[in-house]
Amino acid sequence: MFNSTSNKPTVLKVAVTATFIAALAASPLAIAQEHEHGAEAGASKEVTGEVIDMMCYVDHNAVGEKHGQSCGAKCIRSGGPVGIASE
């Protein structure tokens, strides 16, 4: 007696869901259009400093020749993140 056989709420849910998915799928394309590289993006630059492994540097500020030849070299060879500490 009070049951409605109308599909309007279901159709509305499907339409809103489809619109949301379409907007979500198109958003990376819109963001990519806004991104521009500067003129100097590919320019080379000379940097001076000490090559360090970032894990030890961030954890306990480990720098220097003694650390670099033992732990630092091992961490870098193992694929750890690398940085350059300038003076």
N, C-alpha and C. Protein backbone atom coordinates (compact mmCIF):
# COMPACT_ATOMS: atom_id res chain seq x y z
N MET A 1 0.80 -1.17 0.00
CA MET A 1 0.00 0.00 0.00
C MET A 1 0.86 1.26 0.00
N PHE A 2 1.92 1.29 0.84
CA PHE A 2 2.78 2.46 0.87
C PHE A 2 4.05 2.26 0.05
N ASN A 3 4.20 1.15 -0.60
CA ASN A 3 5.39 0.89 -1.41
C ASN A 3 5.31 1.67 -2.71
N SER A 4 6.40 2.33 -3.02
CA SER A 4 6.46 3.10 -4.25
C SER A 4 7.25 2.31 -5.28
N THR A 5 6.77 2.26 -6.47
CA THR A 5 7.48 1.55 -7.53
C THR A 5 8.27 2.52 -8.40
N SER A 6 8.36 3.76 -8.00
CA SER A 6 9.08 4.77 -8.76
C SER A 6 10.58 4.55 -8.63
N ASN A 7 11.30 4.68 -9.73
CA ASN A 7 12.75 4.50 -9.74
C ASN A 7 13.50 5.83 -9.69
N LYS A 8 12.82 6.92 -9.43
CA LYS A 8 13.46 8.23 -9.45
C LYS A 8 14.62 8.34 -8.46
N PRO A 9 14.49 7.91 -7.21
CA PRO A 9 15.64 8.01 -6.31
C PRO A 9 16.84 7.19 -6.79
N THR A 10 16.61 6.02 -7.34
CA THR A 10 17.69 5.18 -7.83
C THR A 10 18.34 5.81 -9.05
N VAL A 11 17.56 6.33 -9.95
CA VAL A 11 18.09 6.98 -11.15
C VAL A 11 18.89 8.21 -10.76
N LEU A 12 18.43 8.96 -9.80
CA LEU A 12 19.14 10.14 -9.33
C LEU A 12 20.49 9.75 -8.72
N LYS A 13 20.51 8.69 -7.92
CA LYS A 13 21.76 8.23 -7.33
C LYS A 13 22.75 7.81 -8.40
N VAL A 14 22.28 7.11 -9.41
CA VAL A 14 23.16 6.67 -10.50
C VAL A 14 23.69 7.87 -11.27
N ALA A 15 22.85 8.86 -11.52
CA ALA A 15 23.28 10.05 -12.25
C ALA A 15 24.32 10.84 -11.46
N VAL A 16 24.11 11.00 -10.17
CA VAL A 16 25.07 11.73 -9.34
C VAL A 16 26.39 10.97 -9.27
N THR A 17 26.32 9.67 -9.11
CA THR A 17 27.52 8.84 -9.04
C THR A 17 28.30 8.91 -10.36
N ALA A 18 27.61 8.81 -11.47
CA ALA A 18 28.27 8.87 -12.78
C ALA A 18 28.92 10.23 -13.00
N THR A 19 28.25 11.30 -12.60
CA THR A 19 28.82 12.64 -12.73
C THR A 19 30.07 12.79 -11.87
N PHE A 20 30.02 12.28 -10.66
CA PHE A 20 31.17 12.35 -9.76
C PHE A 20 32.35 11.57 -10.32
N ILE A 21 32.11 10.38 -10.84
CA ILE A 21 33.18 9.57 -11.41
C ILE A 21 33.77 10.25 -12.64
N ALA A 22 32.95 10.84 -13.47
CA ALA A 22 33.45 11.54 -14.66
C ALA A 22 34.31 12.74 -14.26
N ALA A 23 33.87 13.49 -13.25
CA ALA A 23 34.65 14.64 -12.79
C ALA A 23 35.97 14.19 -12.18
N LEU A 24 35.93 13.10 -11.44
CA LEU A 24 37.15 12.57 -10.83
C LEU A 24 38.12 12.07 -11.89
N ALA A 25 37.61 11.46 -12.93
CA ALA A 25 38.47 10.96 -14.00
C ALA A 25 39.07 12.09 -14.83
N ALA A 26 38.37 13.20 -14.97
CA ALA A 26 38.84 14.31 -15.79
C ALA A 26 39.74 15.27 -15.02
N SER A 27 39.75 15.23 -13.70
CA SER A 27 40.51 16.20 -12.92
C SER A 27 42.02 16.13 -13.16
N PRO A 28 42.66 14.95 -13.32
CA PRO A 28 44.10 14.97 -13.62
C PRO A 28 44.42 15.67 -14.93
N LEU A 29 43.53 15.57 -15.90
CA LEU A 29 43.76 16.23 -17.18
C LEU A 29 43.71 17.75 -17.01
N ALA A 30 42.81 18.23 -16.20
CA ALA A 30 42.71 19.67 -15.97
C ALA A 30 43.93 20.18 -15.21
N ILE A 31 44.40 19.42 -14.26
CA ILE A 31 45.58 19.82 -13.49
C ILE A 31 46.82 19.80 -14.38
N ALA A 32 46.93 18.82 -15.25
CA ALA A 32 48.09 18.72 -16.14
C ALA A 32 48.16 19.90 -17.09
N GLN A 33 47.04 20.43 -17.49
CA GLN A 33 47.03 21.57 -18.40
C GLN A 33 47.57 22.83 -17.72
N GLU A 34 47.39 22.95 -16.41
CA GLU A 34 47.83 24.14 -15.69
C GLU A 34 49.32 24.13 -15.39
N HIS A 35 49.94 22.95 -15.37
CA HIS A 35 51.34 22.83 -14.99
C HIS A 35 52.24 23.29 -16.12
N GLU A 36 53.14 24.22 -15.82
CA GLU A 36 54.09 24.70 -16.82
C GLU A 36 55.50 24.63 -16.25
N HIS A 37 56.43 24.24 -17.09
CA HIS A 37 57.82 24.21 -16.68
C HIS A 37 58.46 25.56 -16.99
N GLY A 38 59.35 25.97 -16.11
CA GLY A 38 60.07 27.21 -16.34
C GLY A 38 61.09 27.05 -17.45
N ALA A 39 61.64 28.14 -17.89
CA ALA A 39 62.62 28.12 -18.97
C ALA A 39 63.91 27.43 -18.53
N GLU A 40 64.19 27.45 -17.22
CA GLU A 40 65.43 26.88 -16.71
C GLU A 40 65.25 25.48 -16.15
N ALA A 41 64.18 24.80 -16.49
CA ALA A 41 63.91 23.48 -15.92
C ALA A 41 64.98 22.47 -16.30
N GLY A 42 65.53 22.56 -17.49
CA GLY A 42 66.53 21.60 -17.93
C GLY A 42 67.95 22.13 -17.84
N ALA A 43 68.13 23.31 -17.28
CA ALA A 43 69.46 23.90 -17.21
C ALA A 43 70.33 23.16 -16.20
N SER A 44 71.60 23.03 -16.51
CA SER A 44 72.51 22.38 -15.58
C SER A 44 73.04 23.40 -14.59
N LYS A 45 73.40 22.90 -13.41
CA LYS A 45 73.85 23.78 -12.35
C LYS A 45 74.96 23.07 -11.58
N GLU A 46 75.98 23.79 -11.19
CA GLU A 46 77.07 23.21 -10.41
C GLU A 46 76.76 23.40 -8.92
N VAL A 47 76.86 22.30 -8.18
CA VAL A 47 76.57 22.31 -6.76
C VAL A 47 77.79 21.80 -6.03
N THR A 48 78.17 22.47 -4.95
CA THR A 48 79.31 22.01 -4.16
C THR A 48 78.83 21.63 -2.77
N GLY A 49 79.46 20.63 -2.21
CA GLY A 49 79.11 20.17 -0.87
C GLY A 49 79.49 18.72 -0.69
N GLU A 50 79.03 18.15 0.38
CA GLU A 50 79.34 16.76 0.70
C GLU A 50 78.15 15.87 0.36
N VAL A 51 78.41 14.77 -0.34
CA VAL A 51 77.36 13.81 -0.64
C VAL A 51 77.08 13.03 0.65
N ILE A 52 75.82 13.01 1.05
CA ILE A 52 75.45 12.35 2.31
C ILE A 52 74.28 11.41 2.07
N ASP A 53 74.16 10.40 2.94
CA ASP A 53 72.95 9.59 2.90
C ASP A 53 71.96 10.24 3.85
N MET A 54 70.77 10.46 3.36
CA MET A 54 69.78 11.25 4.09
C MET A 54 69.24 10.54 5.33
N MET A 55 69.22 9.21 5.33
CA MET A 55 68.68 8.51 6.50
C MET A 55 69.51 8.81 7.75
N CYS A 56 70.81 8.67 7.65
CA CYS A 56 71.67 8.93 8.81
C CYS A 56 71.75 10.43 9.12
N TYR A 57 71.72 11.25 8.08
CA TYR A 57 71.80 12.69 8.29
C TYR A 57 70.59 13.19 9.07
N VAL A 58 69.41 12.75 8.68
CA VAL A 58 68.19 13.18 9.35
C VAL A 58 68.09 12.56 10.74
N ASP A 59 68.48 11.29 10.85
CA ASP A 59 68.35 10.58 12.12
C ASP A 59 69.30 11.11 13.19
N HIS A 60 70.60 11.21 12.85
CA HIS A 60 71.56 11.64 13.88
C HIS A 60 72.65 12.56 13.33
N ASN A 61 72.31 13.35 12.30
CA ASN A 61 73.19 14.38 11.74
C ASN A 61 74.58 13.84 11.41
N ALA A 62 74.63 12.63 10.86
CA ALA A 62 75.91 11.99 10.55
C ALA A 62 76.47 12.54 9.24
N VAL A 63 77.62 13.19 9.33
CA VAL A 63 78.33 13.71 8.16
C VAL A 63 79.81 13.48 8.38
N GLY A 64 80.59 13.76 7.38
CA GLY A 64 82.03 13.68 7.52
C GLY A 64 82.62 12.46 6.83
N GLU A 65 83.92 12.51 6.67
CA GLU A 65 84.63 11.46 5.95
C GLU A 65 84.54 10.11 6.65
N LYS A 66 84.63 10.11 7.97
CA LYS A 66 84.58 8.85 8.72
C LYS A 66 83.24 8.14 8.52
N HIS A 67 82.16 8.88 8.60
CA HIS A 67 80.84 8.29 8.39
C HIS A 67 80.62 7.93 6.93
N GLY A 68 81.07 8.79 6.03
CA GLY A 68 80.83 8.58 4.61
C GLY A 68 81.47 7.33 4.06
N GLN A 69 82.64 6.96 4.54
CA GLN A 69 83.33 5.79 4.01
C GLN A 69 82.79 4.49 4.58
N SER A 70 82.19 4.53 5.74
CA SER A 70 81.67 3.29 6.32
C SER A 70 80.17 3.18 6.10
N CYS A 71 79.42 3.77 6.96
CA CYS A 71 77.96 3.63 6.94
C CYS A 71 77.34 4.34 5.74
N GLY A 72 77.79 5.54 5.44
CA GLY A 72 77.20 6.32 4.36
C GLY A 72 77.28 5.63 3.02
N ALA A 73 78.45 5.10 2.69
CA ALA A 73 78.62 4.41 1.42
C ALA A 73 77.74 3.17 1.35
N LYS A 74 77.63 2.45 2.45
CA LYS A 74 76.80 1.24 2.48
C LYS A 74 75.32 1.59 2.29
N CYS A 75 74.87 2.63 2.96
CA CYS A 75 73.46 3.04 2.84
C CYS A 75 73.14 3.51 1.42
N ILE A 76 74.05 4.25 0.82
CA ILE A 76 73.83 4.75 -0.54
C ILE A 76 73.82 3.59 -1.53
N ARG A 77 74.75 2.65 -1.40
CA ARG A 77 74.77 1.48 -2.29
C ARG A 77 73.50 0.64 -2.14
N SER A 78 72.92 0.65 -0.95
CA SER A 78 71.70 -0.12 -0.70
C SER A 78 70.46 0.57 -1.25
N GLY A 79 70.62 1.76 -1.79
CA GLY A 79 69.49 2.45 -2.39
C GLY A 79 68.86 3.50 -1.51
N GLY A 80 69.54 3.87 -0.44
CA GLY A 80 69.02 4.91 0.44
C GLY A 80 69.02 6.27 -0.25
N PRO A 81 68.20 7.19 0.23
CA PRO A 81 68.14 8.52 -0.38
C PRO A 81 69.45 9.29 -0.18
N VAL A 82 69.82 10.06 -1.18
CA VAL A 82 71.09 10.78 -1.19
C VAL A 82 70.80 12.28 -1.24
N GLY A 83 71.66 13.04 -0.59
CA GLY A 83 71.54 14.49 -0.62
C GLY A 83 72.91 15.13 -0.67
N ILE A 84 72.94 16.43 -0.76
CA ILE A 84 74.20 17.18 -0.74
C ILE A 84 74.09 18.22 0.37
N ALA A 85 75.03 18.14 1.32
CA ALA A 85 75.09 19.11 2.41
C ALA A 85 76.12 20.16 2.03
N SER A 86 75.66 21.39 1.89
CA SER A 86 76.59 22.46 1.55
C SER A 86 77.14 23.08 2.82
N GLU A 87 78.20 23.82 2.67
CA GLU A 87 78.84 24.44 3.83
C GLU A 87 77.94 25.45 4.47
